[in-house]
Amino acid sequence: MGPLVAGTDAERAARQAHLQQAEADFDPLPFDAAAARAFGQVAAALRHAGRKPAARSYDAMIAAVAIANALPLFTSNPDDFVAITQLRVMEVPHPAE
């Protein structure tokens, strides 16, 4: 979760520092026309699996960008993406573990 929804000032500061480090370490990939086309496939896969695409909209957008760029998606929550067969999911340990 992002810094703006943290419950305490300390947690907000820790999340903000983590976000700023990620921003410094990575170049963002755009949600472009290719990602928009992939998003339709992702939404259809989620709906076919009985999941609500609107409830997973941010995850679906992230998955669509990964698919559009032929990249794996690294996550500590692989079950969130199990219905998206076009996506290569790589599980990573949760940072708190």
C-alpha atoms as a PDB file:
ATOM      1  CA  MET A   1       0.000   0.000   0.000  1.00  0.00           C
ATOM      2  CA  GLY A   2       1.116   3.539  -0.653  1.00  0.00           C
ATOM      3  CA  PRO A   3       2.341   6.115   1.823  1.00  0.00           C
ATOM      4  CA  LEU A   4      -0.861   8.130   1.725  1.00  0.00           C
ATOM      5  CA  VAL A   5      -2.925   5.342   3.283  1.00  0.00           C
ATOM      6  CA  ALA A   6      -0.496   4.512   6.114  1.00  0.00           C
ATOM      7  CA  GLY A   7      -1.986   4.440   9.588  1.00  0.00           C
ATOM      8  CA  THR A   8       0.854   6.210  11.392  1.00  0.00           C
ATOM      9  CA  ASP A   9       3.382   8.906  10.629  1.00  0.00           C
ATOM     10  CA  ALA A  10       6.227   6.423  11.098  1.00  0.00           C
ATOM     11  CA  GLU A  11       4.691   3.955   8.648  1.00  0.00           C
ATOM     12  CA  ARG A  12       3.985   6.766   6.184  1.00  0.00           C
ATOM     13  CA  ALA A  13       7.621   7.897   6.349  1.00  0.00           C
ATOM     14  CA  ALA A  14       8.896   4.338   5.856  1.00  0.00           C
ATOM     15  CA  ARG A  15       6.604   3.793   2.885  1.00  0.00           C
ATOM     16  CA  GLN A  16       7.576   7.149   1.379  1.00  0.00           C
ATOM     17  CA  ALA A  17      11.277   6.283   1.678  1.00  0.00           C
ATOM     18  CA  HIS A  18      10.645   2.888   0.051  1.00  0.00           C
ATOM     19  CA  LEU A  19       8.693   4.519  -2.792  1.00  0.00           C
ATOM     20  CA  GLN A  20      11.372   7.144  -3.393  1.00  0.00           C
ATOM     21  CA  GLN A  21      14.050   4.445  -3.555  1.00  0.00           C
ATOM     22  CA  ALA A  22      12.012   2.475  -6.084  1.00  0.00           C
ATOM     23  CA  GLU A  23      11.500   5.623  -8.169  1.00  0.00           C
ATOM     24  CA  ALA A  24      15.248   6.221  -8.162  1.00  0.00           C
ATOM     25  CA  ASP A  25      16.074   2.604  -9.064  1.00  0.00           C
ATOM     26  CA  PHE A  26      13.614   2.013 -11.929  1.00  0.00           C
ATOM     27  CA  ASP A  27      12.340   3.731 -15.051  1.00  0.00           C
ATOM     28  CA  PRO A  28       8.539   3.481 -15.197  1.00  0.00           C
ATOM     29  CA  LEU A  29       6.833   1.783 -18.112  1.00  0.00           C
ATOM     30  CA  PRO A  30       3.844   3.655 -19.554  1.00  0.00           C
ATOM     31  CA  PHE A  31       0.288   2.442 -19.762  1.00  0.00           C
ATOM     32  CA  ASP A  32       0.226   2.954 -23.512  1.00  0.00           C
ATOM     33  CA  ALA A  33      -1.872   1.673 -26.420  1.00  0.00           C
ATOM     34  CA  ALA A  34      -0.285  -1.795 -26.259  1.00  0.00           C
ATOM     35  CA  ALA A  35      -0.992  -2.001 -22.534  1.00  0.00           C
ATOM     36  CA  ALA A  36      -4.578  -0.860 -23.121  1.00  0.00           C
ATOM     37  CA  ARG A  37      -5.062  -3.706 -25.611  1.00  0.00           C
ATOM     38  CA  ALA A  38      -3.532  -6.183 -23.159  1.00  0.00           C
ATOM     39  CA  PHE A  39      -5.783  -4.798 -20.412  1.00  0.00           C
ATOM     40  CA  GLY A  40      -8.819  -6.065 -22.308  1.00  0.00           C
ATOM     41  CA  GLN A  41      -7.340  -9.568 -22.349  1.00  0.00           C
ATOM     42  CA  VAL A  42      -6.520  -9.338 -18.643  1.00  0.00           C
ATOM     43  CA  ALA A  43     -10.021  -8.136 -17.741  1.00  0.00           C
ATOM     44  CA  ALA A  44     -11.549 -10.952 -19.802  1.00  0.00           C
ATOM     45  CA  ALA A  45      -9.315 -13.540 -18.100  1.00  0.00           C
ATOM     46  CA  LEU A  46     -10.268 -12.251 -14.653  1.00  0.00           C
ATOM     47  CA  ARG A  47     -13.975 -12.220 -15.504  1.00  0.00           C
ATOM     48  CA  HIS A  48     -13.751 -15.744 -16.981  1.00  0.00           C
ATOM     49  CA  ALA A  49     -12.159 -16.919 -13.707  1.00  0.00           C
ATOM     50  CA  GLY A  50     -15.079 -15.447 -11.740  1.00  0.00           C
ATOM     51  CA  ARG A  51     -13.110 -12.507 -10.413  1.00  0.00           C
ATOM     52  CA  LYS A  52     -14.235  -8.897 -10.638  1.00  0.00           C
ATOM     53  CA  PRO A  53     -11.828  -6.895 -12.853  1.00  0.00           C
ATOM     54  CA  ALA A  54     -12.933  -3.600 -11.272  1.00  0.00           C
ATOM     55  CA  ALA A  55     -11.892  -4.828  -7.825  1.00  0.00           C
ATOM     56  CA  ARG A  56      -8.464  -5.733  -9.199  1.00  0.00           C
ATOM     57  CA  SER A  57      -8.102  -2.769 -11.558  1.00  0.00           C
ATOM     58  CA  TYR A  58      -4.642  -1.668 -10.413  1.00  0.00           C
ATOM     59  CA  ASP A  59      -3.317  -5.227 -10.493  1.00  0.00           C
ATOM     60  CA  ALA A  60      -4.885  -5.652 -13.939  1.00  0.00           C
ATOM     61  CA  MET A  61      -3.187  -2.490 -15.208  1.00  0.00           C
ATOM     62  CA  ILE A  62       0.185  -3.650 -13.867  1.00  0.00           C
ATOM     63  CA  ALA A  63      -0.331  -7.064 -15.481  1.00  0.00           C
ATOM     64  CA  ALA A  64      -1.287  -5.438 -18.784  1.00  0.00           C
ATOM     65  CA  VAL A  65       1.882  -3.326 -18.828  1.00  0.00           C
ATOM     66  CA  ALA A  66       3.980  -6.435 -18.125  1.00  0.00           C
ATOM     67  CA  ILE A  67       2.252  -8.376 -20.910  1.00  0.00           C
ATOM     68  CA  ALA A  68       2.565  -5.487 -23.386  1.00  0.00           C
ATOM     69  CA  ASN A  69       6.297  -5.292 -22.706  1.00  0.00           C
ATOM     70  CA  ALA A  70       6.842  -9.084 -22.652  1.00  0.00           C
ATOM     71  CA  LEU A  71       8.111  -8.887 -19.078  1.00  0.00           C
ATOM     72  CA  PRO A  72       7.489 -11.084 -16.041  1.00  0.00           C
ATOM     73  CA  LEU A  73       5.632  -9.628 -13.092  1.00  0.00           C
ATOM     74  CA  PHE A  74       7.406  -9.938  -9.744  1.00  0.00           C
ATOM     75  CA  THR A  75       5.054 -10.075  -6.771  1.00  0.00           C
ATOM     76  CA  SER A  76       4.712 -11.399  -3.259  1.00  0.00           C
ATOM     77  CA  ASN A  77       1.026 -12.075  -4.038  1.00  0.00           C
ATOM     78  CA  PRO A  78       1.084 -14.462  -7.025  1.00  0.00           C
ATOM     79  CA  ASP A  79      -2.453 -15.693  -6.339  1.00  0.00           C
ATOM     80  CA  ASP A  80      -3.724 -12.247  -7.375  1.00  0.00           C
ATOM     81  CA  PHE A  81      -2.586 -13.000 -10.940  1.00  0.00           C
ATOM     82  CA  VAL A  82      -3.244 -16.742 -11.283  1.00  0.00           C
ATOM     83  CA  ALA A  83      -6.143 -16.323 -13.737  1.00  0.00           C
ATOM     84  CA  ILE A  84      -4.059 -14.323 -16.204  1.00  0.00           C
ATOM     85  CA  THR A  85      -2.501 -17.060 -18.308  1.00  0.00           C
ATOM     86  CA  GLN A  86      -0.702 -14.652 -20.684  1.00  0.00           C
ATOM     87  CA  LEU A  87       1.338 -13.342 -17.736  1.00  0.00           C
ATOM     88  CA  ARG A  88       4.562 -14.850 -16.410  1.00  0.00           C
ATOM     89  CA  VAL A  89       4.465 -14.364 -12.628  1.00  0.00           C
ATOM     90  CA  MET A  90       7.587 -14.563 -10.485  1.00  0.00           C
ATOM     91  CA  GLU A  91       7.016 -14.903  -6.746  1.00  0.00           C
ATOM     92  CA  VAL A  92       9.274 -12.955  -4.414  1.00  0.00           C
ATOM     93  CA  PRO A  93       9.260 -12.960  -0.608  1.00  0.00           C
ATOM     94  CA  HIS A  94       7.347 -10.197   1.110  1.00  0.00           C
ATOM     95  CA  PRO A  95       9.753  -7.432   2.241  1.00  0.00           C
ATOM     96  CA  ALA A  96       8.665  -7.844   5.880  1.00  0.00           C
ATOM     97  CA  GLU A  97       9.666 -11.523   5.932  1.00  0.00           C
END
